[in-house]
Amino acid sequence: MNINKQPVVFKQPLNKNKYFSYGSLDLPHHIKAYVDNFSSEYQSLSDEKRLLDLGFVLLRGFNLKKSIKDWLKNHPEISEDSIVNNIGWLLIKFNDVDEREILEYMDSMNLSQMIDYFTPILLNCYSEDDSFQMFDDNDIANTKRSIHGIIAGHYLGEIHPNGKWRWTEYKLNKYDWRAIK
């Protein structure tokens, strides 16, 4: 692991409607885009974008556990164990987490325990440059959000400098540059 890697930083305008649709705080994508690696929505987000969105809503009191459990009630075909594993693999992206420990937790923790373990680690790594004046009169905020502690290497969805390839997980935990279709 390379602990000297710069944090993943996104400087972009945030539209209030993206996180506060219908007046209440929510994730900008369906919950399965964050925790179900078999969904097409999950494949369309990079791990860094996933972590930035989760950090944004968790910092503001979003109940991730309730959101996942409500979704799972309507989808009995999806096991809690697969969600625990996906959250565990997100945790392994951080420098200060022992990979062996996380792999053991993935086998022994239930969903509630894994979310309780994941949340403070993510919130410790997530930051925003100006949280005092979050949104202006146009419901737009210009803020820099970052995730510190991401492991060195490529991230899912990263585009190669030649513009023709994307860093892809082609098998479980197997990564390579693949042609953009």
Protein backbone atom coordinates (compact mmCIF):
# COMPACT_ATOMS: atom_id res chain seq x y z
CA MET A 1 0.00 0.00 0.00
CA ASN A 2 1.16 3.48 -0.79
CA ILE A 3 0.18 5.78 2.05
CA ASN A 4 1.67 8.78 0.26
CA LYS A 5 -0.98 8.81 -2.45
CA GLN A 6 -2.89 12.06 -2.70
CA PRO A 7 -6.56 11.97 -1.69
CA VAL A 8 -9.19 11.54 -4.33
CA VAL A 9 -10.58 15.05 -4.79
CA PHE A 10 -13.66 16.16 -6.70
CA LYS A 11 -14.23 19.88 -7.24
CA GLN A 12 -17.58 20.27 -8.86
CA PRO A 13 -20.81 22.15 -8.34
CA LEU A 14 -23.29 20.16 -6.27
CA ASN A 15 -26.94 20.59 -7.05
CA LYS A 16 -29.08 20.42 -3.92
CA ASN A 17 -31.69 18.34 -5.77
CA LYS A 18 -29.11 15.60 -6.28
CA TYR A 19 -28.99 14.78 -2.56
CA PHE A 20 -32.25 16.30 -1.38
CA SER A 21 -34.73 14.97 -3.89
CA TYR A 22 -38.34 15.32 -2.76
CA GLY A 23 -37.16 17.53 0.10
CA SER A 24 -35.37 14.89 2.18
CA LEU A 25 -31.78 13.70 2.24
CA ASP A 26 -31.12 10.70 0.00
CA LEU A 27 -28.43 9.14 -2.15
CA PRO A 28 -28.31 10.38 -5.76
CA HIS A 29 -28.48 6.80 -7.08
CA HIS A 30 -30.49 3.81 -5.93
CA ILE A 31 -29.02 2.09 -2.86
CA LYS A 32 -28.05 -0.92 -4.98
CA ALA A 33 -25.57 1.30 -6.86
CA TYR A 34 -23.59 1.47 -3.60
CA VAL A 35 -23.85 -2.04 -2.19
CA ASP A 36 -24.92 -4.58 -4.85
CA ASN A 37 -22.02 -5.39 -7.16
CA PHE A 38 -24.28 -7.52 -9.38
CA SER A 39 -26.40 -4.52 -10.38
CA SER A 40 -25.74 -2.47 -13.50
CA GLU A 41 -26.03 0.69 -11.38
CA TYR A 42 -23.11 -0.49 -9.24
CA GLN A 43 -20.97 -1.04 -12.34
CA SER A 44 -21.59 2.53 -13.51
CA LEU A 45 -20.04 4.17 -10.42
CA SER A 46 -16.37 4.21 -9.46
CA ASP A 47 -15.50 3.23 -5.89
CA GLU A 48 -14.38 6.79 -5.25
CA LYS A 49 -17.69 8.27 -6.43
CA ARG A 50 -19.53 5.69 -4.36
CA LEU A 51 -17.51 6.65 -1.26
CA LEU A 52 -17.94 10.39 -1.88
CA ASP A 53 -21.72 10.06 -2.14
CA LEU A 54 -21.88 7.87 0.96
CA GLY A 55 -19.66 10.29 2.88
CA PHE A 56 -21.84 13.26 1.89
CA VAL A 57 -25.09 11.70 3.11
CA LEU A 58 -23.64 9.95 6.18
CA LEU A 59 -22.11 13.25 7.35
CA ARG A 60 -25.63 14.71 7.29
CA GLY A 61 -27.23 11.87 9.27
CA PHE A 62 -28.46 9.54 6.51
CA ASN A 63 -29.53 6.15 7.91
CA LEU A 64 -27.64 3.77 5.62
CA LYS A 65 -28.60 0.73 7.65
CA LYS A 66 -32.34 1.44 7.36
CA SER A 67 -32.07 2.21 3.66
CA ILE A 68 -30.31 -1.08 2.90
CA LYS A 69 -32.62 -3.14 5.12
CA ASP A 70 -35.75 -1.57 3.57
CA TRP A 71 -34.43 -2.38 0.11
CA LEU A 72 -33.54 -5.96 1.09
CA LYS A 73 -37.07 -6.57 2.42
CA ASN A 74 -38.33 -6.21 -1.15
CA HIS A 75 -35.49 -8.30 -2.62
CA PRO A 76 -35.21 -11.64 -0.79
CA GLU A 77 -33.05 -12.98 -3.62
CA ILE A 78 -30.19 -10.74 -2.44
CA SER A 79 -28.34 -12.02 0.60
CA GLU A 80 -27.13 -9.80 3.41
CA ASP A 81 -23.81 -11.64 3.17
CA SER A 82 -23.18 -10.32 -0.34
CA ILE A 83 -23.84 -6.77 0.87
CA VAL A 84 -21.50 -7.32 3.83
CA ASN A 85 -18.81 -8.50 1.39
CA ASN A 86 -19.29 -5.49 -0.89
CA ILE A 87 -18.97 -3.08 2.04
CA GLY A 88 -15.89 -5.02 3.17
CA TRP A 89 -14.28 -4.63 -0.25
CA LEU A 90 -14.93 -0.88 -0.08
CA LEU A 91 -13.19 -0.82 3.31
CA ILE A 92 -10.14 -2.52 1.87
CA LYS A 93 -9.64 0.56 -0.34
CA PHE A 94 -8.28 2.47 2.67
CA ASN A 95 -4.63 2.47 3.79
CA ASP A 96 -5.24 2.34 7.51
CA VAL A 97 -7.39 -0.80 7.46
CA ASP A 98 -5.85 -4.23 7.84
CA GLU A 99 -6.99 -6.32 4.85
CA ARG A 100 -6.79 -9.61 6.76
CA GLU A 101 -8.93 -8.16 9.54
CA ILE A 102 -11.59 -7.00 7.07
CA LEU A 103 -11.63 -10.38 5.32
CA GLU A 104 -12.22 -12.04 8.69
CA TYR A 105 -14.98 -9.54 9.50
CA MET A 106 -16.65 -10.26 6.19
CA ASP A 107 -17.06 -13.86 7.35
CA SER A 108 -18.16 -13.11 10.89
CA MET A 109 -20.13 -9.82 10.87
CA ASN A 110 -23.77 -9.40 10.03
CA LEU A 111 -24.96 -6.45 7.93
CA SER A 112 -25.69 -4.19 10.88
CA GLN A 113 -22.26 -4.78 12.42
CA MET A 114 -20.48 -4.19 9.10
CA ILE A 115 -22.27 -0.86 8.54
CA ASP A 116 -21.42 0.20 12.10
CA TYR A 117 -17.78 -0.68 11.42
CA PHE A 118 -17.70 0.99 7.97
CA THR A 119 -19.39 4.31 8.81
CA PRO A 120 -16.81 5.87 11.18
CA ILE A 121 -13.92 4.80 8.94
CA LEU A 122 -15.50 6.48 5.92
CA LEU A 123 -16.45 9.61 7.87
CA ASN A 124 -12.89 9.85 9.15
CA CYS A 125 -11.62 9.85 5.54
CA TYR A 126 -14.30 12.10 3.99
CA SER A 127 -13.93 15.89 3.93
CA GLU A 128 -15.49 18.97 2.36
CA ASP A 129 -13.78 22.34 2.05
CA ASP A 130 -16.68 24.55 3.17
CA SER A 131 -19.63 23.06 4.98
CA PHE A 132 -20.86 26.33 6.53
CA GLN A 133 -22.50 27.82 3.41
CA MET A 134 -23.51 24.58 1.74
CA PHE A 135 -25.99 25.86 -0.83
CA ASP A 136 -26.57 29.33 -2.24
CA ASP A 137 -29.82 30.88 -3.47
CA ASN A 138 -29.70 28.80 -6.65
CA ASP A 139 -29.38 25.58 -4.63
CA ILE A 140 -25.88 25.09 -6.05
CA ALA A 141 -22.75 24.68 -3.95
CA ASN A 142 -19.20 24.89 -5.20
CA THR A 143 -17.34 22.66 -2.82
CA LYS A 144 -14.34 20.39 -2.92
CA ARG A 145 -15.01 16.93 -1.54
CA SER A 146 -12.29 14.40 -0.93
CA ILE A 147 -11.65 10.89 0.29
CA HIS A 148 -8.29 10.47 2.04
CA GLY A 149 -6.49 7.16 2.38
CA ILE A 150 -7.42 5.49 -0.89
CA ILE A 151 -4.95 2.75 -1.77
CA ALA A 152 -2.53 3.54 -4.56
CA GLY A 153 -3.30 2.14 -7.94
CA HIS A 154 -6.11 2.54 -10.37
CA TYR A 155 -9.74 2.94 -9.45
CA LEU A 156 -12.71 1.31 -11.11
CA GLY A 157 -13.89 3.37 -14.04
CA GLU A 158 -10.60 5.27 -14.44
CA ILE A 159 -9.92 6.16 -18.09
CA HIS A 160 -6.45 5.39 -19.42
CA PRO A 161 -4.47 8.43 -20.71
CA ASN A 162 -4.89 7.10 -24.26
CA GLY A 163 -8.68 7.51 -23.86
CA LYS A 164 -9.41 4.05 -25.25
CA TRP A 165 -9.36 1.90 -22.11
CA ARG A 166 -11.15 1.82 -18.74
CA TRP A 167 -9.85 0.14 -15.55
CA THR A 168 -12.31 -2.73 -15.05
CA GLU A 169 -12.95 -5.57 -12.63
CA TYR A 170 -13.33 -8.41 -15.14
CA LYS A 171 -13.53 -11.14 -12.46
CA LEU A 172 -13.92 -10.92 -8.70
CA ASN A 173 -10.79 -9.06 -7.50
CA LYS A 174 -9.15 -9.26 -10.95
CA TYR A 175 -8.55 -5.91 -12.68
CA ASP A 176 -7.25 -4.84 -16.05
CA TRP A 177 -7.53 -2.14 -18.70
CA ARG A 178 -10.43 -2.98 -21.02
CA ALA A 179 -11.58 -1.27 -24.19
CA ILE A 180 -14.32 1.32 -23.73
CA LYS A 181 -17.40 0.25 -25.60
